[in-house]
Amino acid sequence: MISDKEGLEKPIDYFQYILTYGSIGTSIQTLSKEVFLKYNFPEKQVCMYLNNFDYSTFVIVIFVLLFYSYGKIKPVIQETFVNKEKIRLDD
């Protein structure tokens, strides 16, 4: 869905990027909170009827989402923050 077009379509692509990684971030946060509550405060957990298999699946999903996000964001961060070699062209 991310396009290479210039002009008015580019902000829409950036907005879609922000929404995608925002939803991934909130999913990771929600799943992490539930796993933390299950093992530290079992009386306050929201999903009381889930078993250990469900929680292990939560942990796997958290890692998959983190690695997916890292793989997509790494080239952007490198492009933004890593110094580029300056090429000098002689006349």
C-alpha atoms as a PDB file:
ATOM      1  CA  MET A   1       0.000   0.000   0.000  1.00  0.00           C
ATOM      2  CA  ILE A   2       2.962   2.360   0.441  1.00  0.00           C
ATOM      3  CA  SER A   3       3.488   4.067  -2.886  1.00  0.00           C
ATOM      4  CA  ASP A   4       6.438   5.741  -4.543  1.00  0.00           C
ATOM      5  CA  LYS A   5       4.344   8.649  -5.769  1.00  0.00           C
ATOM      6  CA  GLU A   6       5.125  12.229  -4.883  1.00  0.00           C
ATOM      7  CA  GLY A   7       2.744  14.993  -3.975  1.00  0.00           C
ATOM      8  CA  LEU A   8      -0.534  14.623  -2.162  1.00  0.00           C
ATOM      9  CA  GLU A   9      -0.435  10.831  -1.843  1.00  0.00           C
ATOM     10  CA  LYS A  10       2.772  10.789   0.215  1.00  0.00           C
ATOM     11  CA  PRO A  11       1.191  12.154   3.465  1.00  0.00           C
ATOM     12  CA  ILE A  12      -1.511   9.487   3.217  1.00  0.00           C
ATOM     13  CA  ASP A  13       1.194   6.807   3.068  1.00  0.00           C
ATOM     14  CA  TYR A  14       2.916   8.292   6.127  1.00  0.00           C
ATOM     15  CA  PHE A  15      -0.407   8.415   7.969  1.00  0.00           C
ATOM     16  CA  GLN A  16      -0.936   4.733   7.159  1.00  0.00           C
ATOM     17  CA  TYR A  17       2.557   3.945   8.482  1.00  0.00           C
ATOM     18  CA  ILE A  18       1.787   5.768  11.731  1.00  0.00           C
ATOM     19  CA  LEU A  19      -1.520   3.929  12.158  1.00  0.00           C
ATOM     20  CA  THR A  20       0.081   0.538  11.465  1.00  0.00           C
ATOM     21  CA  TYR A  21       2.908   0.943  13.959  1.00  0.00           C
ATOM     22  CA  GLY A  22       0.602   2.619  16.464  1.00  0.00           C
ATOM     23  CA  SER A  23      -1.699  -0.401  16.405  1.00  0.00           C
ATOM     24  CA  ILE A  24       1.274  -2.760  16.697  1.00  0.00           C
ATOM     25  CA  GLY A  25       2.517  -0.759  19.689  1.00  0.00           C
ATOM     26  CA  THR A  26      -0.823  -0.800  21.479  1.00  0.00           C
ATOM     27  CA  SER A  27      -1.208  -4.541  20.800  1.00  0.00           C
ATOM     28  CA  ILE A  28       2.209  -5.221  22.304  1.00  0.00           C
ATOM     29  CA  GLN A  29       1.360  -3.048  25.299  1.00  0.00           C
ATOM     30  CA  THR A  30      -1.997  -4.735  25.930  1.00  0.00           C
ATOM     31  CA  LEU A  31      -0.625  -8.270  25.608  1.00  0.00           C
ATOM     32  CA  SER A  32       2.377  -7.454  27.816  1.00  0.00           C
ATOM     33  CA  LYS A  33       0.137  -5.992  30.525  1.00  0.00           C
ATOM     34  CA  GLU A  34      -2.082  -9.078  30.536  1.00  0.00           C
ATOM     35  CA  VAL A  35       0.895 -11.458  30.784  1.00  0.00           C
ATOM     36  CA  PHE A  36       2.385  -9.331  33.588  1.00  0.00           C
ATOM     37  CA  LEU A  37      -0.918  -9.280  35.490  1.00  0.00           C
ATOM     38  CA  LYS A  38      -1.373 -13.040  35.151  1.00  0.00           C
ATOM     39  CA  TYR A  39       1.940 -13.868  36.779  1.00  0.00           C
ATOM     40  CA  ASN A  40       2.176 -11.031  39.323  1.00  0.00           C
ATOM     41  CA  PHE A  41      -1.420 -10.044  40.191  1.00  0.00           C
ATOM     42  CA  PRO A  42      -3.715 -12.932  39.196  1.00  0.00           C
ATOM     43  CA  GLU A  43      -6.744 -11.405  40.930  1.00  0.00           C
ATOM     44  CA  LYS A  44      -6.584  -8.253  38.749  1.00  0.00           C
ATOM     45  CA  GLN A  45      -6.165  -9.871  35.341  1.00  0.00           C
ATOM     46  CA  VAL A  46      -8.828  -9.171  32.743  1.00  0.00           C
ATOM     47  CA  CYS A  47      -8.773 -12.521  30.939  1.00  0.00           C
ATOM     48  CA  MET A  48      -9.225 -14.912  33.857  1.00  0.00           C
ATOM     49  CA  TYR A  49     -10.368 -17.859  31.759  1.00  0.00           C
ATOM     50  CA  LEU A  50      -7.309 -18.123  29.538  1.00  0.00           C
ATOM     51  CA  ASN A  51      -4.860 -20.962  30.089  1.00  0.00           C
ATOM     52  CA  ASN A  52      -1.058 -21.130  29.908  1.00  0.00           C
ATOM     53  CA  PHE A  53      -1.139 -21.972  26.201  1.00  0.00           C
ATOM     54  CA  ASP A  54      -2.947 -18.694  25.520  1.00  0.00           C
ATOM     55  CA  TYR A  55      -0.367 -16.733  27.485  1.00  0.00           C
ATOM     56  CA  SER A  56       2.539 -18.450  25.746  1.00  0.00           C
ATOM     57  CA  THR A  57       0.878 -17.517  22.450  1.00  0.00           C
ATOM     58  CA  PHE A  58       0.676 -13.914  23.684  1.00  0.00           C
ATOM     59  CA  VAL A  59       4.435 -13.921  24.298  1.00  0.00           C
ATOM     60  CA  ILE A  60       5.127 -15.375  20.836  1.00  0.00           C
ATOM     61  CA  VAL A  61       2.915 -12.742  19.201  1.00  0.00           C
ATOM     62  CA  ILE A  62       4.717  -9.991  21.143  1.00  0.00           C
ATOM     63  CA  PHE A  63       8.098 -11.168  19.841  1.00  0.00           C
ATOM     64  CA  VAL A  64       6.830 -11.546  16.267  1.00  0.00           C
ATOM     65  CA  LEU A  65       5.396  -8.025  16.291  1.00  0.00           C
ATOM     66  CA  LEU A  66       8.589  -6.592  17.793  1.00  0.00           C
ATOM     67  CA  PHE A  67      10.830  -8.247  15.198  1.00  0.00           C
ATOM     68  CA  TYR A  68       8.495  -7.251  12.357  1.00  0.00           C
ATOM     69  CA  SER A  69       8.512  -3.636  13.513  1.00  0.00           C
ATOM     70  CA  TYR A  70      12.278  -3.667  13.997  1.00  0.00           C
ATOM     71  CA  GLY A  71      12.835  -5.053  10.506  1.00  0.00           C
ATOM     72  CA  LYS A  72      10.659  -2.378   8.939  1.00  0.00           C
ATOM     73  CA  ILE A  73      11.942   0.556  10.995  1.00  0.00           C
ATOM     74  CA  LYS A  74      15.671  -0.314  10.897  1.00  0.00           C
ATOM     75  CA  PRO A  75      16.273   0.926   7.306  1.00  0.00           C
ATOM     76  CA  VAL A  76      14.432   4.173   8.065  1.00  0.00           C
ATOM     77  CA  ILE A  77      16.534   4.789  11.170  1.00  0.00           C
ATOM     78  CA  GLN A  78      19.749   3.968   9.309  1.00  0.00           C
ATOM     79  CA  GLU A  79      18.808   6.299   6.493  1.00  0.00           C
ATOM     80  CA  THR A  80      17.990   9.066   8.947  1.00  0.00           C
ATOM     81  CA  PHE A  81      20.780   8.852  11.514  1.00  0.00           C
ATOM     82  CA  VAL A  82      23.790   7.129   9.914  1.00  0.00           C
ATOM     83  CA  ASN A  83      26.316   9.453   8.320  1.00  0.00           C
ATOM     84  CA  LYS A  84      26.575   9.044   4.609  1.00  0.00           C
ATOM     85  CA  GLU A  85      29.803   9.177   2.692  1.00  0.00           C
ATOM     86  CA  LYS A  86      30.237  12.388   0.811  1.00  0.00           C
ATOM     87  CA  ILE A  87      31.024  11.869  -2.822  1.00  0.00           C
ATOM     88  CA  ARG A  88      32.865  14.666  -4.518  1.00  0.00           C
ATOM     89  CA  LEU A  89      32.604  14.955  -8.238  1.00  0.00           C
ATOM     90  CA  ASP A  90      35.442  16.777  -9.942  1.00  0.00           C
ATOM     91  CA  ASP A  91      34.627  18.937 -12.916  1.00  0.00           C
END
